[in-house]
Amino acid sequence: MRREEYISDETVVKRANAAVRIELEKKRALDIPIVVYDRETQTIYHESDDGTRVEIGKRMRKERYSERIAKKA
């Protein structure tokens, strides 16, 4: 494949965002709870269409993968 045939990073990001938006709309239309991550509390929730949240878990690790690897080395 030549360089001219590649799609740009901006196009990849736009397509990924569109795919996520479409999937969320589909789940809302089918009344299926969506999974939401709250960055402030670092908690994972199931969020219903009516706005209710049910906690399903907490974040297991606090650091990035590269930081964990650096500690081991």
N, C-alpha and C. Protein backbone atom coordinates (compact mmCIF):
# COMPACT_ATOMS: atom_id res chain seq x y z
N MET A 1 0.83 -1.17 0.00
CA MET A 1 0.00 0.00 0.00
C MET A 1 0.88 1.24 0.00
N ARG A 2 0.54 2.16 -0.84
CA ARG A 2 1.30 3.40 -0.89
C ARG A 2 0.82 4.36 0.19
N ARG A 3 1.64 5.32 0.53
CA ARG A 3 1.33 6.30 1.57
C ARG A 3 0.07 7.09 1.23
N GLU A 4 -0.18 7.35 -0.04
CA GLU A 4 -1.34 8.13 -0.46
C GLU A 4 -2.65 7.39 -0.21
N GLU A 5 -2.59 6.06 -0.08
CA GLU A 5 -3.79 5.26 0.10
C GLU A 5 -4.22 5.15 1.56
N TYR A 6 -3.38 5.58 2.49
CA TYR A 6 -3.73 5.53 3.90
C TYR A 6 -4.75 6.61 4.23
N ILE A 7 -5.58 6.34 5.23
CA ILE A 7 -6.47 7.40 5.70
C ILE A 7 -5.76 8.14 6.83
N SER A 8 -6.12 9.39 7.02
CA SER A 8 -5.44 10.22 8.01
C SER A 8 -5.88 9.83 9.43
N ASP A 9 -5.09 10.24 10.39
CA ASP A 9 -5.43 9.99 11.79
C ASP A 9 -6.73 10.68 12.17
N GLU A 10 -6.95 11.87 11.64
CA GLU A 10 -8.19 12.59 11.93
C GLU A 10 -9.41 11.82 11.45
N THR A 11 -9.30 11.19 10.30
CA THR A 11 -10.40 10.40 9.76
C THR A 11 -10.65 9.17 10.63
N VAL A 12 -9.59 8.54 11.11
CA VAL A 12 -9.74 7.38 11.98
C VAL A 12 -10.45 7.78 13.27
N VAL A 13 -10.07 8.90 13.85
CA VAL A 13 -10.69 9.37 15.09
C VAL A 13 -12.15 9.71 14.86
N LYS A 14 -12.47 10.38 13.75
CA LYS A 14 -13.86 10.71 13.44
C LYS A 14 -14.71 9.45 13.29
N ARG A 15 -14.16 8.44 12.60
CA ARG A 15 -14.90 7.20 12.41
C ARG A 15 -15.10 6.45 13.73
N ALA A 16 -14.09 6.45 14.59
CA ALA A 16 -14.21 5.77 15.88
C ALA A 16 -15.26 6.47 16.75
N ASN A 17 -15.22 7.80 16.78
CA ASN A 17 -16.21 8.54 17.56
C ASN A 17 -17.62 8.31 17.03
N ALA A 18 -17.77 8.27 15.72
CA ALA A 18 -19.08 8.02 15.12
C ALA A 18 -19.58 6.62 15.47
N ALA A 19 -18.68 5.63 15.45
CA ALA A 19 -19.07 4.26 15.79
C ALA A 19 -19.54 4.17 17.24
N VAL A 20 -18.86 4.85 18.14
CA VAL A 20 -19.26 4.84 19.56
C VAL A 20 -20.60 5.54 19.72
N ARG A 21 -20.78 6.69 19.07
CA ARG A 21 -22.04 7.42 19.17
C ARG A 21 -23.21 6.58 18.66
N ILE A 22 -23.02 5.90 17.54
CA ILE A 22 -24.07 5.06 16.96
C ILE A 22 -24.40 3.90 17.90
N GLU A 23 -23.38 3.29 18.49
CA GLU A 23 -23.62 2.17 19.41
C GLU A 23 -24.38 2.63 20.65
N LEU A 24 -24.03 3.80 21.18
CA LEU A 24 -24.75 4.33 22.35
C LEU A 24 -26.21 4.63 22.00
N GLU A 25 -26.45 5.21 20.83
CA GLU A 25 -27.82 5.48 20.40
C GLU A 25 -28.61 4.19 20.25
N LYS A 26 -27.98 3.16 19.72
CA LYS A 26 -28.64 1.86 19.54
C LYS A 26 -29.01 1.26 20.90
N LYS A 27 -28.09 1.33 21.85
CA LYS A 27 -28.37 0.77 23.17
C LYS A 27 -29.48 1.54 23.87
N ARG A 28 -29.49 2.87 23.71
CA ARG A 28 -30.57 3.66 24.30
C ARG A 28 -31.91 3.33 23.67
N ALA A 29 -31.93 3.12 22.35
CA ALA A 29 -33.17 2.80 21.65
C ALA A 29 -33.71 1.44 22.09
N LEU A 30 -32.81 0.50 22.38
CA LEU A 30 -33.22 -0.84 22.80
C LEU A 30 -33.40 -0.94 24.32
N ASP A 31 -33.21 0.18 25.03
CA ASP A 31 -33.33 0.25 26.49
C ASP A 31 -32.37 -0.72 27.18
N ILE A 32 -31.14 -0.76 26.68
CA ILE A 32 -30.08 -1.57 27.27
C ILE A 32 -29.17 -0.63 28.05
N PRO A 33 -28.82 -0.95 29.29
CA PRO A 33 -27.93 -0.06 30.04
C PRO A 33 -26.55 0.03 29.39
N ILE A 34 -25.97 1.22 29.46
CA ILE A 34 -24.63 1.43 28.91
C ILE A 34 -23.63 1.45 30.06
N VAL A 35 -22.39 1.15 29.76
CA VAL A 35 -21.33 1.16 30.76
C VAL A 35 -20.62 2.51 30.69
N VAL A 36 -20.51 3.17 31.87
CA VAL A 36 -19.92 4.49 31.96
C VAL A 36 -18.80 4.46 32.98
N TYR A 37 -17.68 5.13 32.66
CA TYR A 37 -16.56 5.23 33.60
C TYR A 37 -16.47 6.67 34.08
N ASP A 38 -16.52 6.86 35.39
CA ASP A 38 -16.40 8.17 36.00
C ASP A 38 -14.94 8.39 36.38
N ARG A 39 -14.28 9.33 35.72
CA ARG A 39 -12.85 9.54 35.94
C ARG A 39 -12.55 10.11 37.32
N GLU A 40 -13.45 10.92 37.85
CA GLU A 40 -13.19 11.54 39.16
C GLU A 40 -13.20 10.51 40.28
N THR A 41 -14.20 9.65 40.31
CA THR A 41 -14.30 8.64 41.37
C THR A 41 -13.64 7.33 40.97
N GLN A 42 -13.25 7.20 39.70
CA GLN A 42 -12.64 6.00 39.15
C GLN A 42 -13.52 4.77 39.39
N THR A 43 -14.81 4.95 39.09
CA THR A 43 -15.80 3.91 39.29
C THR A 43 -16.49 3.60 37.96
N ILE A 44 -16.86 2.33 37.77
CA ILE A 44 -17.54 1.90 36.56
C ILE A 44 -19.02 1.67 36.92
N TYR A 45 -19.91 2.21 36.07
CA TYR A 45 -21.34 2.14 36.32
C TYR A 45 -22.08 1.55 35.13
N HIS A 46 -23.25 0.95 35.41
CA HIS A 46 -24.26 0.68 34.39
C HIS A 46 -25.22 1.85 34.48
N GLU A 47 -25.44 2.56 33.39
CA GLU A 47 -26.35 3.70 33.38
C GLU A 47 -27.57 3.37 32.55
N SER A 48 -28.75 3.50 33.17
CA SER A 48 -30.01 3.20 32.48
C SER A 48 -30.46 4.40 31.67
N ASP A 49 -31.49 4.19 30.87
CA ASP A 49 -32.03 5.25 30.03
C ASP A 49 -32.64 6.37 30.87
N ASP A 50 -33.15 6.03 32.06
CA ASP A 50 -33.77 7.05 32.93
C ASP A 50 -32.73 7.80 33.76
N GLY A 51 -31.45 7.48 33.63
CA GLY A 51 -30.39 8.20 34.32
C GLY A 51 -29.90 7.56 35.61
N THR A 52 -30.50 6.44 36.01
CA THR A 52 -30.03 5.78 37.23
C THR A 52 -28.73 5.05 36.96
N ARG A 53 -27.85 5.08 37.98
CA ARG A 53 -26.54 4.44 37.86
C ARG A 53 -26.40 3.35 38.92
N VAL A 54 -25.88 2.21 38.50
CA VAL A 54 -25.59 1.11 39.40
C VAL A 54 -24.10 0.83 39.32
N GLU A 55 -23.41 0.92 40.45
CA GLU A 55 -21.96 0.69 40.47
C GLU A 55 -21.68 -0.79 40.21
N ILE A 56 -20.74 -1.05 39.29
CA ILE A 56 -20.39 -2.44 39.00
C ILE A 56 -18.93 -2.74 39.27
N GLY A 57 -18.13 -1.71 39.56
CA GLY A 57 -16.72 -1.98 39.85
C GLY A 57 -15.91 -0.73 40.05
N LYS A 58 -14.69 -0.93 40.50
CA LYS A 58 -13.73 0.16 40.69
C LYS A 58 -12.51 -0.12 39.84
N ARG A 59 -11.74 0.90 39.61
CA ARG A 59 -10.50 0.76 38.86
C ARG A 59 -9.52 -0.08 39.66
N MET A 60 -8.86 -1.02 38.99
CA MET A 60 -7.97 -1.93 39.70
C MET A 60 -6.57 -1.36 39.88
N ARG A 61 -6.05 -0.69 38.87
CA ARG A 61 -4.69 -0.17 38.94
C ARG A 61 -4.70 1.33 38.87
N LYS A 62 -3.73 1.95 39.52
CA LYS A 62 -3.69 3.41 39.58
C LYS A 62 -2.77 4.03 38.54
N GLU A 63 -1.79 3.29 38.03
CA GLU A 63 -0.83 3.89 37.11
C GLU A 63 -0.97 3.33 35.71
N ARG A 64 -0.28 3.96 34.79
CA ARG A 64 -0.30 3.52 33.40
C ARG A 64 0.57 2.27 33.23
N TYR A 65 0.36 1.59 32.12
CA TYR A 65 1.11 0.37 31.83
C TYR A 65 2.60 0.66 31.79
N SER A 66 3.00 1.74 31.14
CA SER A 66 4.43 2.07 31.03
C SER A 66 5.04 2.34 32.40
N GLU A 67 4.27 2.90 33.32
CA GLU A 67 4.77 3.15 34.67
C GLU A 67 4.94 1.85 35.44
N ARG A 68 4.05 0.89 35.24
CA ARG A 68 4.17 -0.41 35.92
C ARG A 68 5.38 -1.17 35.42
N ILE A 69 5.61 -1.12 34.11
CA ILE A 69 6.76 -1.81 33.51
C ILE A 69 8.07 -1.20 34.00
N ALA A 70 8.11 0.12 34.12
CA ALA A 70 9.33 0.80 34.56
C ALA A 70 9.69 0.42 35.99
N LYS A 71 8.67 0.18 36.83
CA LYS A 71 8.94 -0.22 38.22
C LYS A 71 9.56 -1.61 38.29
N LYS A 72 9.14 -2.52 37.39
CA LYS A 72 9.65 -3.89 37.38
C LYS A 72 11.08 -3.95 36.87
N ALA A 73 11.43 -3.07 35.96
CA ALA A 73 12.76 -3.11 35.34
C ALA A 73 13.84 -2.53 36.20
